[in-house]
PDB file of N, CA and C in Angstrom:
ATOM      1  N   UNK A   1      -2.892  30.625 -16.754  1.00  0.00           N
ATOM      2  CA  UNK A   1      -2.031  29.739 -17.050  1.00  0.00           C
ATOM      3  C   UNK A   1      -0.600  30.303 -17.138  1.00  0.00           C
ATOM      4  N   UNK A   2       0.526  29.961 -16.955  1.00  0.00           N
ATOM      5  CA  UNK A   2       1.828  30.298 -16.764  1.00  0.00           C
ATOM      6  C   UNK A   2       2.338  29.119 -17.895  1.00  0.00           C
ATOM      7  N   UNK A   3       3.136  30.689 -18.655  1.00  0.00           N
ATOM      8  CA  UNK A   3       3.805  30.010 -20.002  1.00  0.00           C
ATOM      9  C   UNK A   3       5.333  30.379 -19.935  1.00  0.00           C
ATOM     10  N   UNK A   4       6.071  29.443 -20.038  1.00  0.00           N
ATOM     11  CA  UNK A   4       7.940  29.865 -20.451  1.00  0.00           C
ATOM     12  C   UNK A   4       7.938  29.920 -21.504  1.00  0.00           C
ATOM     13  N   UNK A   5       8.938  31.042 -21.828  1.00  0.00           N
ATOM     14  CA  UNK A   5       9.591  31.163 -23.594  1.00  0.00           C
ATOM     15  C   UNK A   5      10.750  30.448 -23.635  1.00  0.00           C
ATOM     16  N   UNK A   6      11.278  30.875 -22.444  1.00  0.00           N
ATOM     17  CA  UNK A   6      12.637  30.328 -22.699  1.00  0.00           C
ATOM     18  C   UNK A   6      13.131  29.629 -21.333  1.00  0.00           C
ATOM     19  N   UNK A   7      14.120  28.798 -21.453  1.00  0.00           N
ATOM     20  CA  UNK A   7      15.045  28.460 -20.126  1.00  0.00           C
ATOM     21  C   UNK A   7      15.992  28.805 -20.020  1.00  0.00           C
ATOM     22  N   UNK A   8      16.632  28.970 -19.679  1.00  0.00           N
ATOM     23  CA  UNK A   8      18.098  29.850 -19.316  1.00  0.00           C
ATOM     24  C   UNK A   8      19.065  28.417 -18.363  1.00  0.00           C
ATOM     25  N   UNK A   9      19.545  27.544 -18.966  1.00  0.00           N
ATOM     26  CA  UNK A   9      20.246  26.663 -18.560  1.00  0.00           C
ATOM     27  C   UNK A   9      21.920  26.828 -18.260  1.00  0.00           C
ATOM     28  N   UNK A  10      22.248  28.110 -18.196  1.00  0.00           N
ATOM     29  CA  UNK A  10      23.556  28.789 -18.647  1.00  0.00           C
ATOM     30  C   UNK A  10      25.070  28.057 -17.405  1.00  0.00           C
ATOM     31  N   UNK A  11      23.743  28.276 -16.200  1.00  0.00           N
ATOM     32  CA  UNK A  11      24.651  27.872 -15.122  1.00  0.00           C
ATOM     33  C   UNK A  11      24.063  26.514 -14.825  1.00  0.00           C
ATOM     34  N   UNK A  12      23.812  25.857 -15.232  1.00  0.00           N
ATOM     35  CA  UNK A  12      23.312  24.452 -14.914  1.00  0.00           C
ATOM     36  C   UNK A  12      24.658  23.292 -15.400  1.00  0.00           C
ATOM     37  N   UNK A  13      25.131  22.374 -14.713  1.00  0.00           N
ATOM     38  CA  UNK A  13      25.981  21.777 -15.403  1.00  0.00           C
ATOM     39  C   UNK A  13      25.663  19.943 -15.211  1.00  0.00           C
ATOM     40  N   UNK A  14      24.360  20.011 -15.697  1.00  0.00           N
ATOM     41  CA  UNK A  14      23.695  18.735 -15.779  1.00  0.00           C
ATOM     42  C   UNK A  14      24.122  18.413 -17.241  1.00  0.00           C
ATOM     43  N   UNK A  15      24.806  16.687 -16.743  1.00  0.00           N
ATOM     44  CA  UNK A  15      24.924  15.918 -18.441  1.00  0.00           C
ATOM     45  C   UNK A  15      24.312  16.312 -19.350  1.00  0.00           C
ATOM     46  N   UNK A  16      25.103  16.282 -21.012  1.00  0.00           N
ATOM     47  CA  UNK A  16      24.169  16.431 -21.642  1.00  0.00           C
ATOM     48  C   UNK A  16      23.088  15.193 -21.557  1.00  0.00           C
ATOM     49  N   UNK A  17      23.674  13.746 -21.220  1.00  0.00           N
ATOM     50  CA  UNK A  17      22.266  12.780 -22.130  1.00  0.00           C
ATOM     51  C   UNK A  17      21.889  13.277 -21.131  1.00  0.00           C
ATOM     52  N   UNK A  18      21.076  13.653 -19.360  1.00  0.00           N
ATOM     53  CA  UNK A  18      20.042  13.948 -18.826  1.00  0.00           C
ATOM     54  C   UNK A  18      18.968  15.307 -19.668  1.00  0.00           C
ATOM     55  N   UNK A  19      19.825  15.752 -20.323  1.00  0.00           N
ATOM     56  CA  UNK A  19      19.115  17.285 -20.974  1.00  0.00           C
ATOM     57  C   UNK A  19      18.421  17.153 -22.215  1.00  0.00           C
ATOM     58  N   UNK A  20      18.028  16.044 -22.550  1.00  0.00           N
ATOM     59  CA  UNK A  20      17.641  15.318 -23.859  1.00  0.00           C
ATOM     60  C   UNK A  20      16.422  15.098 -23.638  1.00  0.00           C
ATOM     61  N   UNK A  21      16.341  15.291 -22.308  1.00  0.00           N
ATOM     62  CA  UNK A  21      15.031  14.933 -22.184  1.00  0.00           C
ATOM     63  C   UNK A  21      14.087  16.686 -22.368  1.00  0.00           C
ATOM     64  N   UNK A  22      14.420  17.635 -21.936  1.00  0.00           N
ATOM     65  CA  UNK A  22      14.428  19.012 -22.455  1.00  0.00           C
ATOM     66  C   UNK A  22      14.176  19.297 -23.859  1.00  0.00           C
ATOM     67  N   UNK A  23      14.480  18.719 -24.526  1.00  0.00           N
ATOM     68  CA  UNK A  23      14.218  19.007 -25.962  1.00  0.00           C
ATOM     69  C   UNK A  23      12.914  18.300 -26.267  1.00  0.00           C
ATOM     70  N   UNK A  24      11.870  17.879 -25.888  1.00  0.00           N
ATOM     71  CA  UNK A  24      10.488  17.106 -26.098  1.00  0.00           C
ATOM     72  C   UNK A  24       9.455  17.980 -25.828  1.00  0.00           C
ATOM     73  N   UNK A  25       9.811  19.253 -24.987  1.00  0.00           N
ATOM     74  CA  UNK A  25       8.832  20.197 -24.263  1.00  0.00           C
ATOM     75  C   UNK A  25       8.412  20.838 -25.268  1.00  0.00           C
ATOM     76  N   UNK A  26       6.936  21.027 -24.862  1.00  0.00           N
ATOM     77  CA  UNK A  26       6.438  21.758 -26.002  1.00  0.00           C
ATOM     78  C   UNK A  26       6.515  23.221 -26.753  1.00  0.00           C
ATOM     79  N   UNK A  27       6.414  23.457 -27.826  1.00  0.00           N
ATOM     80  CA  UNK A  27       7.042  24.669 -28.352  1.00  0.00           C
ATOM     81  C   UNK A  27       6.022  25.783 -27.722  1.00  0.00           C
ATOM     82  N   UNK A  28       5.984  27.024 -27.532  1.00  0.00           N
ATOM     83  CA  UNK A  28       7.489  28.114 -28.359  1.00  0.00           C
ATOM     84  C   UNK A  28       8.517  27.560 -27.379  1.00  0.00           C
ATOM     85  N   UNK A  29       9.327  26.803 -26.955  1.00  0.00           N
ATOM     86  CA  UNK A  29      10.534  27.441 -26.011  1.00  0.00           C
ATOM     87  C   UNK A  29      11.618  27.177 -26.339  1.00  0.00           C
ATOM     88  N   UNK A  30      12.745  28.850 -26.304  1.00  0.00           N
ATOM     89  CA  UNK A  30      13.928  28.156 -26.346  1.00  0.00           C
ATOM     90  C   UNK A  30      14.545  27.607 -25.123  1.00  0.00           C
ATOM     91  N   UNK A  31      15.705  27.200 -25.318  1.00  0.00           N
ATOM     92  CA  UNK A  31      16.604  26.548 -24.410  1.00  0.00           C
ATOM     93  C   UNK A  31      18.040  26.947 -24.205  1.00  0.00           C
ATOM     94  N   UNK A  32      18.600  27.685 -23.697  1.00  0.00           N
ATOM     95  CA  UNK A  32      20.045  28.261 -23.157  1.00  0.00           C
ATOM     96  C   UNK A  32      20.412  27.447 -22.520  1.00  0.00           C
ATOM     97  N   UNK A  33      21.954  26.577 -23.086  1.00  0.00           N
ATOM     98  CA  UNK A  33      23.117  25.904 -22.585  1.00  0.00           C
ATOM     99  C   UNK A  33      24.104  26.814 -22.422  1.00  0.00           C
ATOM    100  N   UNK A  34      25.225  26.353 -21.385  1.00  0.00           N
ATOM    101  CA  UNK A  34      26.341  26.421 -21.712  1.00  0.00           C
ATOM    102  C   UNK A  34      27.030  26.108 -22.407  1.00  0.00           C
ATOM    103  N   UNK A  35      28.351  26.310 -22.783  1.00  0.00           N
ATOM    104  CA  UNK A  35      29.481  26.031 -24.135  1.00  0.00           C
ATOM    105  C   UNK A  35      29.465  24.882 -23.522  1.00  0.00           C
ATOM    106  N   UNK A  36      29.552  23.911 -22.406  1.00  0.00           N
ATOM    107  CA  UNK A  36      30.301  22.447 -21.851  1.00  0.00           C
ATOM    108  C   UNK A  36      29.287  21.896 -22.658  1.00  0.00           C
ATOM    109  N   UNK A  37      28.265  21.902 -21.645  1.00  0.00           N
ATOM    110  CA  UNK A  37      26.687  21.236 -22.188  1.00  0.00           C
ATOM    111  C   UNK A  37      26.059  21.374 -23.225  1.00  0.00           C
ATOM    112  N   UNK A  38      26.824  22.531 -24.095  1.00  0.00           N
ATOM    113  CA  UNK A  38      25.875  22.377 -25.177  1.00  0.00           C
ATOM    114  C   UNK A  38      26.370  21.829 -25.921  1.00  0.00           C
ATOM    115  N   UNK A  39      28.323  21.597 -25.841  1.00  0.00           N
ATOM    116  CA  UNK A  39      29.265  20.913 -26.979  1.00  0.00           C
ATOM    117  C   UNK A  39      28.771  19.449 -27.086  1.00  0.00           C
ATOM    118  N   UNK A  40      28.337  18.912 -25.394  1.00  0.00           N
ATOM    119  CA  UNK A  40      28.195  17.649 -25.332  1.00  0.00           C
ATOM    120  C   UNK A  40      26.565  17.077 -25.832  1.00  0.00           C
ATOM    121  N   UNK A  41      25.633  17.952 -25.748  1.00  0.00           N
ATOM    122  CA  UNK A  41      24.787  17.671 -26.311  1.00  0.00           C
ATOM    123  C   UNK A  41      24.585  17.986 -28.502  1.00  0.00           C
ATOM    124  N   UNK A  42      25.249  18.163 -29.253  1.00  0.00           N
ATOM    125  CA  UNK A  42      25.640  18.570 -30.295  1.00  0.00           C
ATOM    126  C   UNK A  42      26.414  16.909 -30.654  1.00  0.00           C
ATOM    127  N   UNK A  43      26.987  16.942 -29.723  1.00  0.00           N
ATOM    128  CA  UNK A  43      27.738  14.968 -29.704  1.00  0.00           C
ATOM    129  C   UNK A  43      26.557  14.497 -29.061  1.00  0.00           C
ATOM    130  N   UNK A  44      25.768  13.907 -28.063  1.00  0.00           N
ATOM    131  CA  UNK A  44      24.621  12.999 -28.349  1.00  0.00           C
ATOM    132  C   UNK A  44      23.988  13.220 -29.331  1.00  0.00           C
ATOM    133  N   UNK A  45      23.228  14.113 -30.331  1.00  0.00           N
ATOM    134  CA  UNK A  45      22.207  14.576 -31.127  1.00  0.00           C
ATOM    135  C   UNK A  45      23.303  14.116 -32.472  1.00  0.00           C
ATOM    136  N   UNK A  46      24.323  13.956 -32.617  1.00  0.00           N
ATOM    137  CA  UNK A  46      24.925  13.601 -33.911  1.00  0.00           C
ATOM    138  C   UNK A  46      24.370  12.321 -33.688  1.00  0.00           C
ATOM    139  N   UNK A  47      25.507  11.584 -32.571  1.00  0.00           N
ATOM    140  CA  UNK A  47      26.126  10.234 -32.379  1.00  0.00           C
ATOM    141  C   UNK A  47      24.894   9.173 -32.688  1.00  0.00           C
ATOM    142  N   UNK A  48      23.581   9.834 -32.053  1.00  0.00           N
ATOM    143  CA  UNK A  48      22.257   9.843 -32.528  1.00  0.00           C
ATOM    144  C   UNK A  48      21.775   8.908 -33.645  1.00  0.00           C
ATOM    145  N   UNK A  49      21.581  10.015 -34.554  1.00  0.00           N
ATOM    146  CA  UNK A  49      21.575  10.285 -35.941  1.00  0.00           C
ATOM    147  C   UNK A  49      20.108  10.221 -35.845  1.00  0.00           C
ATOM    148  N   UNK A  50      19.253  10.493 -35.238  1.00  0.00           N
ATOM    149  CA  UNK A  50      17.762  10.529 -34.782  1.00  0.00           C
ATOM    150  C   UNK A  50      17.033  11.820 -35.119  1.00  0.00           C
ATOM    151  N   UNK A  51      16.327  11.509 -36.878  1.00  0.00           N
ATOM    152  CA  UNK A  51      16.001  13.605 -37.433  1.00  0.00           C
ATOM    153  C   UNK A  51      14.728  14.074 -36.208  1.00  0.00           C
ATOM    154  N   UNK A  52      14.375  14.158 -35.561  1.00  0.00           N
ATOM    155  CA  UNK A  52      13.377  14.309 -34.647  1.00  0.00           C
ATOM    156  C   UNK A  52      13.731  14.401 -33.557  1.00  0.00           C
ATOM    157  N   UNK A  53      15.280  14.153 -32.438  1.00  0.00           N
ATOM    158  CA  UNK A  53      15.750  14.898 -31.440  1.00  0.00           C
ATOM    159  C   UNK A  53      16.580  15.745 -32.675  1.00  0.00           C
ATOM    160  N   UNK A  54      17.396  15.596 -33.772  1.00  0.00           N
ATOM    161  CA  UNK A  54      17.634  16.773 -34.164  1.00  0.00           C
ATOM    162  C   UNK A  54      17.280  17.964 -34.295  1.00  0.00           C
ATOM    163  N   UNK A  55      16.040  17.372 -35.135  1.00  0.00           N
ATOM    164  CA  UNK A  55      14.807  18.467 -35.343  1.00  0.00           C
ATOM    165  C   UNK A  55      14.349  19.189 -34.095  1.00  0.00           C
ATOM    166  N   UNK A  56      14.220  19.027 -32.625  1.00  0.00           N
ATOM    167  CA  UNK A  56      13.814  19.330 -31.356  1.00  0.00           C
ATOM    168  C   UNK A  56      15.257  19.985 -30.874  1.00  0.00           C
ATOM    169  N   UNK A  57      16.110  19.385 -31.572  1.00  0.00           N
ATOM    170  CA  UNK A  57      17.594  20.484 -30.945  1.00  0.00           C
ATOM    171  C   UNK A  57      18.117  21.396 -31.219  1.00  0.00           C
ATOM    172  N   UNK A  58      17.434  21.329 -32.643  1.00  0.00           N
ATOM    173  CA  UNK A  58      17.915  22.958 -33.442  1.00  0.00           C
ATOM    174  C   UNK A  58      16.942  23.803 -33.203  1.00  0.00           C
ATOM    175  N   UNK A  59      15.992  23.238 -32.869  1.00  0.00           N
ATOM    176  CA  UNK A  59      14.533  24.468 -32.759  1.00  0.00           C
ATOM    177  C   UNK A  59      15.212  24.682 -31.491  1.00  0.00           C
ATOM    178  N   UNK A  60      15.114  24.070 -30.337  1.00  0.00           N
ATOM    179  CA  UNK A  60      15.165  24.377 -29.009  1.00  0.00           C
ATOM    180  C   UNK A  60      16.488  25.858 -29.006  1.00  0.00           C
ATOM    181  N   UNK A  61      17.734  25.393 -29.307  1.00  0.00           N
ATOM    182  CA  UNK A  61      18.692  26.113 -29.084  1.00  0.00           C
ATOM    183  C   UNK A  61      18.513  27.279 -30.332  1.00  0.00           C
ATOM    184  N   UNK A  62      17.332  27.499 -30.598  1.00  0.00           N
ATOM    185  CA  UNK A  62      17.722  28.798 -31.656  1.00  0.00           C
ATOM    186  C   UNK A  62      18.658  28.484 -32.884  1.00  0.00           C
ATOM    187  N   UNK A  63      19.300  27.549 -32.906  1.00  0.00           N
ATOM    188  CA  UNK A  63      20.471  27.190 -34.027  1.00  0.00           C
ATOM    189  C   UNK A  63      21.379  27.674 -33.724  1.00  0.00           C
ATOM    190  N   UNK A  64      21.622  28.038 -32.689  1.00  0.00           N
ATOM    191  CA  UNK A  64      22.532  29.365 -32.381  1.00  0.00           C
ATOM    192  C   UNK A  64      23.907  28.162 -31.847  1.00  0.00           C
ATOM    193  N   UNK A  65      24.881  27.686 -32.627  1.00  0.00           N
ATOM    194  CA  UNK A  65      26.138  27.106 -32.078  1.00  0.00           C
ATOM    195  C   UNK A  65      27.169  28.088 -32.206  1.00  0.00           C
ATOM    196  N   UNK A  66      27.165  28.774 -32.229  1.00  0.00           N
ATOM    197  CA  UNK A  66      28.603  29.776 -32.082  1.00  0.00           C
ATOM    198  C   UNK A  66      29.648  29.402 -31.425  1.00  0.00           C
ATOM    199  N   UNK A  67      29.014  28.796 -30.279  1.00  0.00           N
ATOM    200  CA  UNK A  67      30.448  28.533 -29.057  1.00  0.00           C
ATOM    201  C   UNK A  67      31.183  26.854 -29.108  1.00  0.00           C
ATOM    202  N   UNK A  68      30.266  26.274 -30.093  1.00  0.00           N
ATOM    203  CA  UNK A  68      30.530  24.908 -30.683  1.00  0.00           C
ATOM    204  C   UNK A  68      31.630  24.801 -31.498  1.00  0.00           C
ATOM    205  N   UNK A  69      32.741  23.956 -31.291  1.00  0.00           N
ATOM    206  CA  UNK A  69      33.613  23.045 -31.872  1.00  0.00           C
ATOM    207  C   UNK A  69      33.301  22.527 -32.874  1.00  0.00           C
ATOM    208  N   UNK A  70      32.906  22.338 -34.058  1.00  0.00           N
ATOM    209  CA  UNK A  70      32.242  21.372 -34.616  1.00  0.00           C
ATOM    210  C   UNK A  70      32.884  20.604 -35.847  1.00  0.00           C
ATOM    211  N   UNK A  71      33.007  19.792 -36.186  1.00  0.00           N
ATOM    212  CA  UNK A  71      33.488  18.810 -37.224  1.00  0.00           C
ATOM    213  C   UNK A  71      33.047  18.975 -38.201  1.00  0.00           C
ATOM    214  N   UNK A  72      33.553  19.076 -39.110  1.00  0.00           N
ATOM    215  CA  UNK A  72      32.649  19.401 -40.748  1.00  0.00           C
ATOM    216  C   UNK A  72      31.563  18.136 -40.949  1.00  0.00           C
ATOM    217  N   UNK A  73      32.175  16.548 -40.374  1.00  0.00           N
ATOM    218  CA  UNK A  73      30.788  15.729 -40.465  1.00  0.00           C
ATOM    219  C   UNK A  73      29.155  15.976 -39.726  1.00  0.00           C
ATOM    220  N   UNK A  74      30.036  16.882 -38.368  1.00  0.00           N
ATOM    221  CA  UNK A  74      28.702  17.029 -37.707  1.00  0.00           C
ATOM    222  C   UNK A  74      28.086  18.508 -38.275  1.00  0.00           C
ATOM    223  N   UNK A  75      28.717  19.239 -38.900  1.00  0.00           N
ATOM    224  CA  UNK A  75      28.084  20.715 -39.656  1.00  0.00           C
ATOM    225  C   UNK A  75      27.358  20.104 -40.828  1.00  0.00           C
ATOM    226  N   UNK A  76      27.859  19.072 -41.103  1.00  0.00           N
ATOM    227  CA  UNK A  76      26.867  18.924 -42.677  1.00  0.00           C
ATOM    228  C   UNK A  76      26.176  17.696 -42.466  1.00  0.00           C
ATOM    229  N   UNK A  77      25.818  17.211 -41.294  1.00  0.00           N
ATOM    230  CA  UNK A  77      24.286  16.661 -40.622  1.00  0.00           C
ATOM    231  C   UNK A  77      23.788  17.298 -39.999  1.00  0.00           C
ATOM    232  N   UNK A  78      23.677  18.504 -39.384  1.00  0.00           N
ATOM    233  CA  UNK A  78      23.155  19.341 -38.929  1.00  0.00           C
ATOM    234  C   UNK A  78      22.654  20.609 -40.230  1.00  0.00           C
ATOM    235  N   UNK A  79      23.347  20.859 -40.992  1.00  0.00           N
ATOM    236  CA  UNK A  79      22.736  21.635 -42.300  1.00  0.00           C
ATOM    237  C   UNK A  79      21.737  20.519 -42.814  1.00  0.00           C
ATOM    238  N   UNK A  80      22.073  19.327 -42.977  1.00  0.00           N
ATOM    239  CA  UNK A  80      20.943  18.610 -43.628  1.00  0.00           C
ATOM    240  C   UNK A  80      19.884  18.653 -42.945  1.00  0.00           C
ATOM    241  N   UNK A  81      19.673  18.746 -41.897  1.00  0.00           N
ATOM    242  CA  UNK A  81      18.206  19.378 -41.478  1.00  0.00           C
ATOM    243  C   UNK A  81      17.870  20.945 -40.999  1.00  0.00           C
ATOM    244  N   UNK A  82      18.335  21.850 -41.307  1.00  0.00           N
ATOM    245  CA  UNK A  82      18.507  23.230 -40.853  1.00  0.00           C
ATOM    246  C   UNK A  82      19.409  23.826 -40.835  1.00  0.00           C
ATOM    247  N   UNK A  83      19.048  25.496 -41.836  1.00  0.00           N
ATOM    248  CA  UNK A  83      20.152  26.224 -41.419  1.00  0.00           C
ATOM    249  C   UNK A  83      20.883  26.861 -39.877  1.00  0.00           C
ATOM    250  N   UNK A  84      22.257  26.405 -39.706  1.00  0.00           N
ATOM    251  CA  UNK A  84      22.490  27.044 -38.513  1.00  0.00           C
ATOM    252  C   UNK A  84      23.305  28.059 -38.594  1.00  0.00           C
ATOM    253  N   UNK A  85      22.812  28.806 -37.597  1.00  0.00           N
ATOM    254  CA  UNK A  85      23.847  30.584 -37.037  1.00  0.00           C
ATOM    255  C   UNK A  85      25.240  29.818 -36.427  1.00  0.00           C
ATOM    256  N   UNK A  86      26.489  29.808 -37.561  1.00  0.00           N
ATOM    257  CA  UNK A  86      27.895  29.649 -37.305  1.00  0.00           C
ATOM    258  C   UNK A  86      28.560  30.172 -37.215  1.00  0.00           C
TER     259      UNK A  86
END
């Protein structure tokens, strides 16, 4: 049985919306995104305002959003769901 711990998509140029399906993959799995798709994914998650999607997103990206440019509204929303490494 093969077990994947980390999925490195830093070289992947996919659109954020298509990457949201990866957030539902079984734990433990960390996903690394490049800067632009991660920024887009943050926007998709924030706009959806879905608790399950937000929880999965924060868990999969290991809460590392240091490369993202976040508005105060987005930061506040994400902080309500989990502590972040900003």
